[in-house]
Amino acid sequence: MKIRLAVMASAVVLTTALTGTPASAAIIPCTQNNVDPPWGPVCDRRPTDGDAGGVSGSVRVEYLRNTKYHASIRFEAKGEHIYFNNNTTTGATLALYMRDDLGSWRPYYKYALEAGGSEYVNAKLGEDRAVRLQVEVHGRGTAWLSTLRT
């Protein structure tokens, strides 16, 4: 039993390390995709993430010929953790938007990261709010996902 659990835990860690998304994430089409080959978007969401009503997810714009080159933003509804990463050779702008009471998207956290840059935020966002994640790799394109919730 211990060996089986260790193997399962290793698979989750390996999947997260290789793809940047937890093994339980469902890859879905991005809400918007203005990315041109050889770059491409990857969006995922996790409606069952341990936060009642919360929906976690991520947006990633990656170089399809070598996916180690990518920029990504990941939102974890449980604990409201936000991870910003730019593993490209150019700049990237990564943002978390929330829908205001009038229905407009407003930026809450936005970072312009140089190549190799990263940021982490442990946010206080309130409950049951719509969340949009957006990644723009400068000169490569923009993708976003707007089906997440705090």
C-alpha atoms as a PDB file:
ATOM      1  CA  MET A   1       0.000   0.000   0.000  1.00  0.00           C
ATOM      2  CA  LYS A   2       2.811   2.445   0.834  1.00  0.00           C
ATOM      3  CA  ILE A   3       4.506   1.771  -2.495  1.00  0.00           C
ATOM      4  CA  ARG A   4       1.271   2.367  -4.425  1.00  0.00           C
ATOM      5  CA  LEU A   5       0.658   5.684  -2.624  1.00  0.00           C
ATOM      6  CA  ALA A   6       4.235   6.785  -3.259  1.00  0.00           C
ATOM      7  CA  VAL A   7       3.894   5.974  -6.961  1.00  0.00           C
ATOM      8  CA  MET A   8       0.587   7.870  -7.177  1.00  0.00           C
ATOM      9  CA  ALA A   9       2.063  10.887  -5.381  1.00  0.00           C
ATOM     10  CA  SER A  10       5.083  10.790  -7.684  1.00  0.00           C
ATOM     11  CA  ALA A  11       2.801  10.753 -10.732  1.00  0.00           C
ATOM     12  CA  VAL A  12       0.981  13.875  -9.520  1.00  0.00           C
ATOM     13  CA  VAL A  13       4.273  15.665  -8.823  1.00  0.00           C
ATOM     14  CA  LEU A  14       5.700  14.594 -12.190  1.00  0.00           C
ATOM     15  CA  THR A  15       2.553  15.662 -14.078  1.00  0.00           C
ATOM     16  CA  THR A  16       2.597  19.052 -12.348  1.00  0.00           C
ATOM     17  CA  ALA A  17       6.311  19.476 -13.033  1.00  0.00           C
ATOM     18  CA  LEU A  18       5.991  18.612 -16.726  1.00  0.00           C
ATOM     19  CA  THR A  19       2.774  20.447 -17.597  1.00  0.00           C
ATOM     20  CA  GLY A  20       2.486  23.086 -14.877  1.00  0.00           C
ATOM     21  CA  THR A  21      -1.042  21.903 -14.083  1.00  0.00           C
ATOM     22  CA  PRO A  22      -2.185  19.471 -11.408  1.00  0.00           C
ATOM     23  CA  ALA A  23      -3.175  15.994 -12.599  1.00  0.00           C
ATOM     24  CA  SER A  24      -6.857  16.631 -11.728  1.00  0.00           C
ATOM     25  CA  ALA A  25      -7.105  19.659 -14.039  1.00  0.00           C
ATOM     26  CA  ALA A  26      -9.307  19.444 -17.127  1.00  0.00           C
ATOM     27  CA  ILE A  27      -7.685  20.984 -20.210  1.00  0.00           C
ATOM     28  CA  ILE A  28     -10.324  23.173 -21.897  1.00  0.00           C
ATOM     29  CA  PRO A  29     -10.410  25.705 -24.745  1.00  0.00           C
ATOM     30  CA  CYS A  30      -9.313  29.170 -23.683  1.00  0.00           C
ATOM     31  CA  THR A  31     -12.032  31.834 -23.604  1.00  0.00           C
ATOM     32  CA  GLN A  32      -9.946  33.905 -26.011  1.00  0.00           C
ATOM     33  CA  ASN A  33      -6.897  32.925 -28.013  1.00  0.00           C
ATOM     34  CA  ASN A  34      -4.892  35.359 -30.141  1.00  0.00           C
ATOM     35  CA  VAL A  35      -1.737  33.212 -30.194  1.00  0.00           C
ATOM     36  CA  ASP A  36      -0.071  32.310 -33.476  1.00  0.00           C
ATOM     37  CA  PRO A  37       2.010  29.173 -34.166  1.00  0.00           C
ATOM     38  CA  PRO A  38       4.591  28.089 -33.285  1.00  0.00           C
ATOM     39  CA  TRP A  39       3.194  29.344 -29.960  1.00  0.00           C
ATOM     40  CA  GLY A  40      -0.024  27.979 -28.487  1.00  0.00           C
ATOM     41  CA  PRO A  41      -2.326  28.376 -25.482  1.00  0.00           C
ATOM     42  CA  VAL A  42      -3.212  25.813 -22.810  1.00  0.00           C
ATOM     43  CA  CYS A  43      -6.052  26.532 -20.384  1.00  0.00           C
ATOM     44  CA  ASP A  44      -7.350  24.347 -17.565  1.00  0.00           C
ATOM     45  CA  ARG A  45      -9.887  24.522 -14.777  1.00  0.00           C
ATOM     46  CA  ARG A  46     -10.553  22.558 -11.601  1.00  0.00           C
ATOM     47  CA  PRO A  47     -14.088  23.020 -10.232  1.00  0.00           C
ATOM     48  CA  THR A  48     -13.419  20.512  -7.446  1.00  0.00           C
ATOM     49  CA  ASP A  49     -10.446  22.044  -5.682  1.00  0.00           C
ATOM     50  CA  GLY A  50     -11.345  21.928  -1.981  1.00  0.00           C
ATOM     51  CA  ASP A  51     -12.878  25.421  -1.964  1.00  0.00           C
ATOM     52  CA  ALA A  52     -16.700  25.263  -1.873  1.00  0.00           C
ATOM     53  CA  GLY A  53     -17.881  27.273  -4.884  1.00  0.00           C
ATOM     54  CA  GLY A  54     -14.349  28.143  -5.975  1.00  0.00           C
ATOM     55  CA  VAL A  55     -12.966  27.147  -9.379  1.00  0.00           C
ATOM     56  CA  SER A  56      -9.199  27.042  -9.812  1.00  0.00           C
ATOM     57  CA  GLY A  57      -7.342  27.055 -13.107  1.00  0.00           C
ATOM     58  CA  SER A  58      -4.492  28.344 -15.218  1.00  0.00           C
ATOM     59  CA  VAL A  59      -3.567  29.889 -18.546  1.00  0.00           C
ATOM     60  CA  ARG A  60      -0.307  29.114 -20.279  1.00  0.00           C
ATOM     61  CA  VAL A  61       1.137  30.357 -23.569  1.00  0.00           C
ATOM     62  CA  GLU A  62       3.902  28.009 -24.668  1.00  0.00           C
ATOM     63  CA  TYR A  63       6.347  27.473 -27.502  1.00  0.00           C
ATOM     64  CA  LEU A  64       5.004  24.304 -29.124  1.00  0.00           C
ATOM     65  CA  ARG A  65       8.418  23.054 -30.303  1.00  0.00           C
ATOM     66  CA  ASN A  66       9.837  23.156 -26.758  1.00  0.00           C
ATOM     67  CA  THR A  67       7.247  23.675 -24.015  1.00  0.00           C
ATOM     68  CA  LYS A  68       9.856  24.577 -21.390  1.00  0.00           C
ATOM     69  CA  TYR A  69       9.491  28.060 -22.947  1.00  0.00           C
ATOM     70  CA  HIS A  70       6.187  29.364 -21.627  1.00  0.00           C
ATOM     71  CA  ALA A  71       4.483  32.073 -19.585  1.00  0.00           C
ATOM     72  CA  SER A  72       1.703  31.118 -17.192  1.00  0.00           C
ATOM     73  CA  ILE A  73      -0.599  32.291 -14.462  1.00  0.00           C
ATOM     74  CA  ARG A  74      -2.239  29.844 -12.045  1.00  0.00           C
ATOM     75  CA  PHE A  75      -5.054  30.654  -9.614  1.00  0.00           C
ATOM     76  CA  GLU A  76      -5.786  28.360  -6.662  1.00  0.00           C
ATOM     77  CA  ALA A  77      -9.246  29.221  -5.277  1.00  0.00           C
ATOM     78  CA  LYS A  78      -8.544  27.468  -1.974  1.00  0.00           C
ATOM     79  CA  GLY A  79      -6.339  29.940  -0.150  1.00  0.00           C
ATOM     80  CA  GLU A  80      -6.477  32.360  -3.098  1.00  0.00           C
ATOM     81  CA  HIS A  81      -2.903  31.764  -4.257  1.00  0.00           C
ATOM     82  CA  ILE A  82      -1.752  33.247  -7.570  1.00  0.00           C
ATOM     83  CA  TYR A  83       1.437  32.146  -9.341  1.00  0.00           C
ATOM     84  CA  PHE A  84       2.919  34.238 -12.174  1.00  0.00           C
ATOM     85  CA  ASN A  85       5.791  32.774 -14.263  1.00  0.00           C
ATOM     86  CA  ASN A  86       7.644  33.821 -17.401  1.00  0.00           C
ATOM     87  CA  ASN A  87       9.950  31.104 -18.712  1.00  0.00           C
ATOM     88  CA  THR A  88      10.339  32.668 -22.168  1.00  0.00           C
ATOM     89  CA  THR A  89      13.198  34.617 -23.753  1.00  0.00           C
ATOM     90  CA  THR A  90      11.077  37.790 -23.973  1.00  0.00           C
ATOM     91  CA  GLY A  91       8.785  39.808 -21.724  1.00  0.00           C
ATOM     92  CA  ALA A  92       5.292  38.748 -20.697  1.00  0.00           C
ATOM     93  CA  THR A  93       2.348  40.455 -19.042  1.00  0.00           C
ATOM     94  CA  LEU A  94       0.250  38.293 -16.732  1.00  0.00           C
ATOM     95  CA  ALA A  95      -2.930  39.425 -15.020  1.00  0.00           C
ATOM     96  CA  LEU A  96      -5.804  38.352 -12.804  1.00  0.00           C
ATOM     97  CA  TYR A  97      -9.040  40.274 -13.431  1.00  0.00           C
ATOM     98  CA  MET A  98     -12.265  40.180 -11.434  1.00  0.00           C
ATOM     99  CA  ARG A  99     -15.743  41.165 -12.552  1.00  0.00           C
ATOM    100  CA  ASP A 100     -17.031  44.221 -10.688  1.00  0.00           C
ATOM    101  CA  ASP A 101     -20.622  44.878  -9.591  1.00  0.00           C
ATOM    102  CA  LEU A 102     -21.392  46.511 -12.966  1.00  0.00           C
ATOM    103  CA  GLY A 103     -20.189  43.475 -14.937  1.00  0.00           C
ATOM    104  CA  SER A 104     -16.877  44.934 -16.153  1.00  0.00           C
ATOM    105  CA  TRP A 105     -13.541  43.127 -15.829  1.00  0.00           C
ATOM    106  CA  ARG A 106     -11.092  45.013 -13.598  1.00  0.00           C
ATOM    107  CA  PRO A 107      -7.399  44.121 -13.137  1.00  0.00           C
ATOM    108  CA  TYR A 108      -6.569  43.148  -9.559  1.00  0.00           C
ATOM    109  CA  TYR A 109      -3.036  41.839 -10.051  1.00  0.00           C
ATOM    110  CA  LYS A 110      -0.966  42.549 -13.141  1.00  0.00           C
ATOM    111  CA  TYR A 111       2.740  41.939 -13.638  1.00  0.00           C
ATOM    112  CA  ALA A 112       5.024  42.721 -16.564  1.00  0.00           C
ATOM    113  CA  LEU A 113       7.753  40.113 -16.126  1.00  0.00           C
ATOM    114  CA  GLU A 114      11.086  40.002 -17.877  1.00  0.00           C
ATOM    115  CA  ALA A 115      12.404  36.690 -19.216  1.00  0.00           C
ATOM    116  CA  GLY A 116      12.808  34.265 -16.312  1.00  0.00           C
ATOM    117  CA  GLY A 117      10.708  36.367 -13.915  1.00  0.00           C
ATOM    118  CA  SER A 118       8.120  35.138 -11.436  1.00  0.00           C
ATOM    119  CA  GLU A 119       5.786  36.480  -8.752  1.00  0.00           C
ATOM    120  CA  TYR A 120       3.540  34.980  -6.095  1.00  0.00           C
ATOM    121  CA  VAL A 121       0.525  36.575  -4.384  1.00  0.00           C
ATOM    122  CA  ASN A 122      -1.518  35.241  -1.469  1.00  0.00           C
ATOM    123  CA  ALA A 123      -4.600  37.331  -2.242  1.00  0.00           C
ATOM    124  CA  LYS A 124      -7.710  38.338  -0.327  1.00  0.00           C
ATOM    125  CA  LEU A 125     -10.341  38.476  -3.084  1.00  0.00           C
ATOM    126  CA  GLY A 126     -13.686  37.852  -1.395  1.00  0.00           C
ATOM    127  CA  GLU A 127     -16.000  34.947  -2.128  1.00  0.00           C
ATOM    128  CA  ASP A 128     -18.020  33.961  -5.191  1.00  0.00           C
ATOM    129  CA  ARG A 129     -16.435  36.447  -7.591  1.00  0.00           C
ATOM    130  CA  ALA A 130     -15.791  35.768 -11.301  1.00  0.00           C
ATOM    131  CA  VAL A 131     -12.075  35.534 -12.170  1.00  0.00           C
ATOM    132  CA  ARG A 132     -10.282  35.918 -15.512  1.00  0.00           C
ATOM    133  CA  LEU A 133      -6.645  34.965 -16.030  1.00  0.00           C
ATOM    134  CA  GLN A 134      -4.719  36.478 -18.931  1.00  0.00           C
ATOM    135  CA  VAL A 135      -1.258  35.800 -20.386  1.00  0.00           C
ATOM    136  CA  GLU A 136       0.397  37.898 -23.080  1.00  0.00           C
ATOM    137  CA  VAL A 137       3.815  36.848 -24.333  1.00  0.00           C
ATOM    138  CA  HIS A 138       5.166  39.972 -26.008  1.00  0.00           C
ATOM    139  CA  GLY A 139       5.266  39.536 -29.768  1.00  0.00           C
ATOM    140  CA  ARG A 140       3.723  36.045 -29.566  1.00  0.00           C
ATOM    141  CA  GLY A 141       0.084  36.538 -28.548  1.00  0.00           C
ATOM    142  CA  THR A 142      -2.485  36.595 -25.750  1.00  0.00           C
ATOM    143  CA  ALA A 143      -4.813  33.995 -24.243  1.00  0.00           C
ATOM    144  CA  TRP A 144      -7.275  34.156 -21.378  1.00  0.00           C
ATOM    145  CA  LEU A 145      -9.783  32.138 -19.417  1.00  0.00           C
ATOM    146  CA  SER A 146     -12.786  33.753 -17.763  1.00  0.00           C
ATOM    147  CA  THR A 147     -14.656  30.808 -16.193  1.00  0.00           C
ATOM    148  CA  LEU A 148     -12.996  30.721 -12.754  1.00  0.00           C
ATOM    149  CA  ARG A 149     -14.400  31.785  -9.342  1.00  0.00           C
ATOM    150  CA  THR A 150     -13.043  32.809  -5.957  1.00  0.00           C
END
